[in-house]
């Protein structure tokens, strides 16, 4: 079973194409332009992961 942080990192990587969710103290690395449909897909995946964890 994945931890919450592992599940979020996987969603961020696969859906949002983010290398990491860690703060790197660089605007270029910490801020990203994301489409609303990508954000929606990530939120749906996070919701589904939460439902499966119950």
PDB file of N, CA and C in Angstrom:
ATOM      1  N   UNK A   1       0.838  -1.182   0.000  1.00  0.00           N
ATOM      2  CA  UNK A   1       0.000   0.000   0.000  1.00  0.00           C
ATOM      3  C   UNK A   1       0.886   1.250   0.000  1.00  0.00           C
ATOM      4  N   UNK A   2       0.504   2.229  -0.792  1.00  0.00           N
ATOM      5  CA  UNK A   2       1.252   3.485  -0.893  1.00  0.00           C
ATOM      6  C   UNK A   2       0.898   4.420   0.256  1.00  0.00           C
ATOM      7  N   UNK A   3       1.860   5.224   0.661  1.00  0.00           N
ATOM      8  CA  UNK A   3       1.550   6.285   1.614  1.00  0.00           C
ATOM      9  C   UNK A   3       0.859   7.417   0.856  1.00  0.00           C
ATOM     10  N   UNK A   4       0.282   8.325   1.592  1.00  0.00           N
ATOM     11  CA  UNK A   4      -0.385   9.465   0.964  1.00  0.00           C
ATOM     12  C   UNK A   4       0.589  10.252   0.094  1.00  0.00           C
ATOM     13  N   UNK A   5       1.781  10.530   0.621  1.00  0.00           N
ATOM     14  CA  UNK A   5       2.770  11.302  -0.137  1.00  0.00           C
ATOM     15  C   UNK A   5       3.223  10.569  -1.392  1.00  0.00           C
ATOM     16  N   UNK A   6       3.368   9.251  -1.309  1.00  0.00           N
ATOM     17  CA  UNK A   6       3.745   8.468  -2.488  1.00  0.00           C
ATOM     18  C   UNK A   6       2.656   8.531  -3.552  1.00  0.00           C
ATOM     19  N   UNK A   7       1.399   8.429  -3.119  1.00  0.00           N
ATOM     20  CA  UNK A   7       0.282   8.497  -4.065  1.00  0.00           C
ATOM     21  C   UNK A   7       0.227   9.868  -4.735  1.00  0.00           C
ATOM     22  N   UNK A   8       0.411  10.931  -3.960  1.00  0.00           N
ATOM     23  CA  UNK A   8       0.392  12.280  -4.524  1.00  0.00           C
ATOM     24  C   UNK A   8       1.551  12.503  -5.486  1.00  0.00           C
ATOM     25  N   UNK A   9       2.725  12.001  -5.136  1.00  0.00           N
ATOM     26  CA  UNK A   9       3.889  12.138  -6.015  1.00  0.00           C
ATOM     27  C   UNK A   9       3.665  11.402  -7.331  1.00  0.00           C
ATOM     28  N   UNK A  10       3.039  10.237  -7.256  1.00  0.00           N
ATOM     29  CA  UNK A  10       2.759   9.464  -8.475  1.00  0.00           C
ATOM     30  C   UNK A  10       1.766  10.206  -9.364  1.00  0.00           C
ATOM     31  N   UNK A  11       0.724  10.768  -8.776  1.00  0.00           N
ATOM     32  CA  UNK A  11      -0.261  11.548  -9.532  1.00  0.00           C
ATOM     33  C   UNK A  11       0.405  12.771 -10.155  1.00  0.00           C
ATOM     34  N   UNK A  12       1.214  13.466  -9.381  1.00  0.00           N
ATOM     35  CA  UNK A  12       1.905  14.657  -9.893  1.00  0.00           C
ATOM     36  C   UNK A  12       2.806  14.305 -11.070  1.00  0.00           C
ATOM     37  N   UNK A  13       3.488  13.184 -10.969  1.00  0.00           N
ATOM     38  CA  UNK A  13       4.413  12.783 -12.035  1.00  0.00           C
ATOM     39  C   UNK A  13       3.673  12.310 -13.280  1.00  0.00           C
ATOM     40  N   UNK A  14       2.672  11.460 -13.100  1.00  0.00           N
ATOM     41  CA  UNK A  14       2.023  10.853 -14.264  1.00  0.00           C
ATOM     42  C   UNK A  14       1.014  11.767 -14.939  1.00  0.00           C
ATOM     43  N   UNK A  15       0.293  12.556 -14.176  1.00  0.00           N
ATOM     44  CA  UNK A  15      -0.770  13.383 -14.762  1.00  0.00           C
ATOM     45  C   UNK A  15      -0.305  14.810 -15.027  1.00  0.00           C
ATOM     46  N   UNK A  16       0.416  15.386 -14.079  1.00  0.00           N
ATOM     47  CA  UNK A  16       0.821  16.786 -14.209  1.00  0.00           C
ATOM     48  C   UNK A  16       2.234  16.946 -14.756  1.00  0.00           C
ATOM     49  N   UNK A  17       2.930  15.850 -14.947  1.00  0.00           N
ATOM     50  CA  UNK A  17       4.297  15.857 -15.486  1.00  0.00           C
ATOM     51  C   UNK A  17       5.243  16.689 -14.619  1.00  0.00           C
ATOM     52  N   UNK A  18       5.083  16.569 -13.296  1.00  0.00           N
ATOM     53  CA  UNK A  18       5.953  17.263 -12.348  1.00  0.00           C
ATOM     54  C   UNK A  18       6.998  16.284 -11.832  1.00  0.00           C
ATOM     55  N   UNK A  19       8.239  16.702 -11.844  1.00  0.00           N
ATOM     56  CA  UNK A  19       9.340  15.838 -11.409  1.00  0.00           C
ATOM     57  C   UNK A  19       9.257  15.522  -9.922  1.00  0.00           C
ATOM     58  N   UNK A  20       8.870  16.513  -9.125  1.00  0.00           N
ATOM     59  CA  UNK A  20       8.808  16.338  -7.677  1.00  0.00           C
ATOM     60  C   UNK A  20       7.808  17.331  -7.095  1.00  0.00           C
ATOM     61  N   UNK A  21       7.315  17.021  -5.910  1.00  0.00           N
ATOM     62  CA  UNK A  21       6.470  17.964  -5.181  1.00  0.00           C
ATOM     63  C   UNK A  21       7.265  18.689  -4.092  1.00  0.00           C
ATOM     64  N   UNK A  22       8.549  18.406  -4.014  1.00  0.00           N
ATOM     65  CA  UNK A  22       9.408  19.053  -3.024  1.00  0.00           C
ATOM     66  C   UNK A  22       9.693  20.496  -3.432  1.00  0.00           C
ATOM     67  N   UNK A  23       9.734  21.379  -2.449  1.00  0.00           N
ATOM     68  CA  UNK A  23      10.115  22.767  -2.683  1.00  0.00           C
ATOM     69  C   UNK A  23      11.602  22.819  -2.992  1.00  0.00           C
ATOM     70  N   UNK A  24      11.945  23.528  -4.076  1.00  0.00           N
ATOM     71  CA  UNK A  24      13.351  23.611  -4.465  1.00  0.00           C
ATOM     72  C   UNK A  24      13.874  25.042  -4.424  1.00  0.00           C
ATOM     73  N   UNK A  25      13.057  25.952  -3.908  1.00  0.00           N
ATOM     74  CA  UNK A  25      13.459  27.355  -3.719  1.00  0.00           C
ATOM     75  C   UNK A  25      13.948  28.015  -4.997  1.00  0.00           C
ATOM     76  N   UNK A  26      13.242  27.747  -6.077  1.00  0.00           N
ATOM     77  CA  UNK A  26      13.551  28.348  -7.373  1.00  0.00           C
ATOM     78  C   UNK A  26      12.234  28.544  -8.111  1.00  0.00           C
ATOM     79  N   UNK A  27      11.948  29.774  -8.506  1.00  0.00           N
ATOM     80  CA  UNK A  27      10.700  30.026  -9.227  1.00  0.00           C
ATOM     81  C   UNK A  27      10.576  29.134 -10.452  1.00  0.00           C
ATOM     82  N   UNK A  28      11.678  28.948 -11.156  1.00  0.00           N
ATOM     83  CA  UNK A  28      11.666  28.142 -12.378  1.00  0.00           C
ATOM     84  C   UNK A  28      11.284  26.689 -12.085  1.00  0.00           C
ATOM     85  N   UNK A  29      11.653  26.192 -10.912  1.00  0.00           N
ATOM     86  CA  UNK A  29      11.398  24.800 -10.567  1.00  0.00           C
ATOM     87  C   UNK A  29      10.136  24.607  -9.730  1.00  0.00           C
ATOM     88  N   UNK A  30       9.707  25.637  -9.007  1.00  0.00           N
ATOM     89  CA  UNK A  30       8.592  25.491  -8.076  1.00  0.00           C
ATOM     90  C   UNK A  30       7.244  25.966  -8.620  1.00  0.00           C
ATOM     91  N   UNK A  31       7.244  26.718  -9.708  1.00  0.00           N
ATOM     92  CA  UNK A  31       5.993  27.212 -10.276  1.00  0.00           C
ATOM     93  C   UNK A  31       5.825  26.660 -11.681  1.00  0.00           C
ATOM     94  N   UNK A  32       4.599  26.191 -11.982  1.00  0.00           N
ATOM     95  CA  UNK A  32       4.339  25.536 -13.265  1.00  0.00           C
ATOM     96  C   UNK A  32       3.025  26.042 -13.846  1.00  0.00           C
ATOM     97  N   UNK A  33       2.954  26.097 -15.158  1.00  0.00           N
ATOM     98  CA  UNK A  33       1.692  26.379 -15.840  1.00  0.00           C
ATOM     99  C   UNK A  33       1.026  25.043 -16.120  1.00  0.00           C
ATOM    100  N   UNK A  34      -0.217  24.909 -15.669  1.00  0.00           N
ATOM    101  CA  UNK A  34      -0.947  23.655 -15.836  1.00  0.00           C
ATOM    102  C   UNK A  34      -2.312  23.937 -16.442  1.00  0.00           C
ATOM    103  N   UNK A  35      -2.759  23.038 -17.282  1.00  0.00           N
ATOM    104  CA  UNK A  35      -4.091  23.190 -17.867  1.00  0.00           C
ATOM    105  C   UNK A  35      -5.149  22.840 -16.823  1.00  0.00           C
ATOM    106  N   UNK A  36      -6.331  23.421 -16.977  1.00  0.00           N
ATOM    107  CA  UNK A  36      -7.413  23.113 -16.039  1.00  0.00           C
ATOM    108  C   UNK A  36      -7.829  21.651 -16.161  1.00  0.00           C
ATOM    109  N   UNK A  37      -7.767  21.083 -17.370  1.00  0.00           N
ATOM    110  CA  UNK A  37      -8.152  19.676 -17.519  1.00  0.00           C
ATOM    111  C   UNK A  37      -7.110  18.760 -16.867  1.00  0.00           C
ATOM    112  N   UNK A  38      -5.865  19.182 -16.853  1.00  0.00           N
ATOM    113  CA  UNK A  38      -4.835  18.414 -16.158  1.00  0.00           C
ATOM    114  C   UNK A  38      -5.026  18.465 -14.653  1.00  0.00           C
ATOM    115  N   UNK A  39      -5.357  19.648 -14.153  1.00  0.00           N
ATOM    116  CA  UNK A  39      -5.623  19.792 -12.722  1.00  0.00           C
ATOM    117  C   UNK A  39      -6.842  18.965 -12.339  1.00  0.00           C
ATOM    118  N   UNK A  40      -7.878  19.010 -13.166  1.00  0.00           N
ATOM    119  CA  UNK A  40      -9.092  18.222 -12.900  1.00  0.00           C
ATOM    120  C   UNK A  40      -8.764  16.733 -12.865  1.00  0.00           C
ATOM    121  N   UNK A  41      -7.984  16.265 -13.813  1.00  0.00           N
ATOM    122  CA  UNK A  41      -7.608  14.848 -13.849  1.00  0.00           C
ATOM    123  C   UNK A  41      -6.819  14.458 -12.600  1.00  0.00           C
ATOM    124  N   UNK A  42      -5.930  15.333 -12.160  1.00  0.00           N
ATOM    125  CA  UNK A  42      -5.143  15.053 -10.958  1.00  0.00           C
ATOM    126  C   UNK A  42      -6.034  15.012  -9.720  1.00  0.00           C
ATOM    127  N   UNK A  43      -6.984  15.928  -9.629  1.00  0.00           N
ATOM    128  CA  UNK A  43      -7.906  15.929  -8.495  1.00  0.00           C
ATOM    129  C   UNK A  43      -8.781  14.682  -8.498  1.00  0.00           C
ATOM    130  N   UNK A  44      -9.240  14.273  -9.676  1.00  0.00           N
ATOM    131  CA  UNK A  44     -10.046  13.051  -9.777  1.00  0.00           C
ATOM    132  C   UNK A  44      -9.230  11.827  -9.364  1.00  0.00           C
ATOM    133  N   UNK A  45      -7.976  11.778  -9.767  1.00  0.00           N
ATOM    134  CA  UNK A  45      -7.111  10.658  -9.391  1.00  0.00           C
ATOM    135  C   UNK A  45      -6.867  10.645  -7.884  1.00  0.00           C
ATOM    136  N   UNK A  46      -6.673  11.810  -7.295  1.00  0.00           N
ATOM    137  CA  UNK A  46      -6.463  11.896  -5.848  1.00  0.00           C
ATOM    138  C   UNK A  46      -7.722  11.473  -5.099  1.00  0.00           C
ATOM    139  N   UNK A  47      -8.877  11.879  -5.593  1.00  0.00           N
ATOM    140  CA  UNK A  47     -10.142  11.485  -4.974  1.00  0.00           C
ATOM    141  C   UNK A  47     -10.309   9.970  -5.044  1.00  0.00           C
ATOM    142  N   UNK A  48     -10.039   9.396  -6.210  1.00  0.00           N
ATOM    143  CA  UNK A  48     -10.159   7.945  -6.385  1.00  0.00           C
ATOM    144  C   UNK A  48      -9.187   7.204  -5.466  1.00  0.00           C
ATOM    145  N   UNK A  49      -7.980   7.717  -5.333  1.00  0.00           N
ATOM    146  CA  UNK A  49      -6.999   7.088  -4.443  1.00  0.00           C
ATOM    147  C   UNK A  49      -7.482   7.124  -2.996  1.00  0.00           C
ATOM    148  N   UNK A  50      -8.107   8.219  -2.613  1.00  0.00           N
ATOM    149  CA  UNK A  50      -8.661   8.326  -1.268  1.00  0.00           C
ATOM    150  C   UNK A  50      -9.794   7.349  -1.034  1.00  0.00           C
ATOM    151  N   UNK A  51     -10.633   7.169  -2.041  1.00  0.00           N
ATOM    152  CA  UNK A  51     -11.732   6.214  -1.928  1.00  0.00           C
ATOM    153  C   UNK A  51     -11.204   4.784  -1.799  1.00  0.00           C
ATOM    154  N   UNK A  52     -10.168   4.461  -2.555  1.00  0.00           N
ATOM    155  CA  UNK A  52      -9.583   3.117  -2.500  1.00  0.00           C
ATOM    156  C   UNK A  52      -8.899   2.852  -1.163  1.00  0.00           C
ATOM    157  N   UNK A  53      -8.408   3.896  -0.525  1.00  0.00           N
ATOM    158  CA  UNK A  53      -7.688   3.740   0.736  1.00  0.00           C
ATOM    159  C   UNK A  53      -8.621   3.463   1.913  1.00  0.00           C
ATOM    160  N   UNK A  54      -9.900   3.719   1.733  1.00  0.00           N
ATOM    161  CA  UNK A  54     -10.863   3.516   2.833  1.00  0.00           C
ATOM    162  C   UNK A  54     -11.082   2.056   3.121  1.00  0.00           C
TER     163      UNK A  54
END
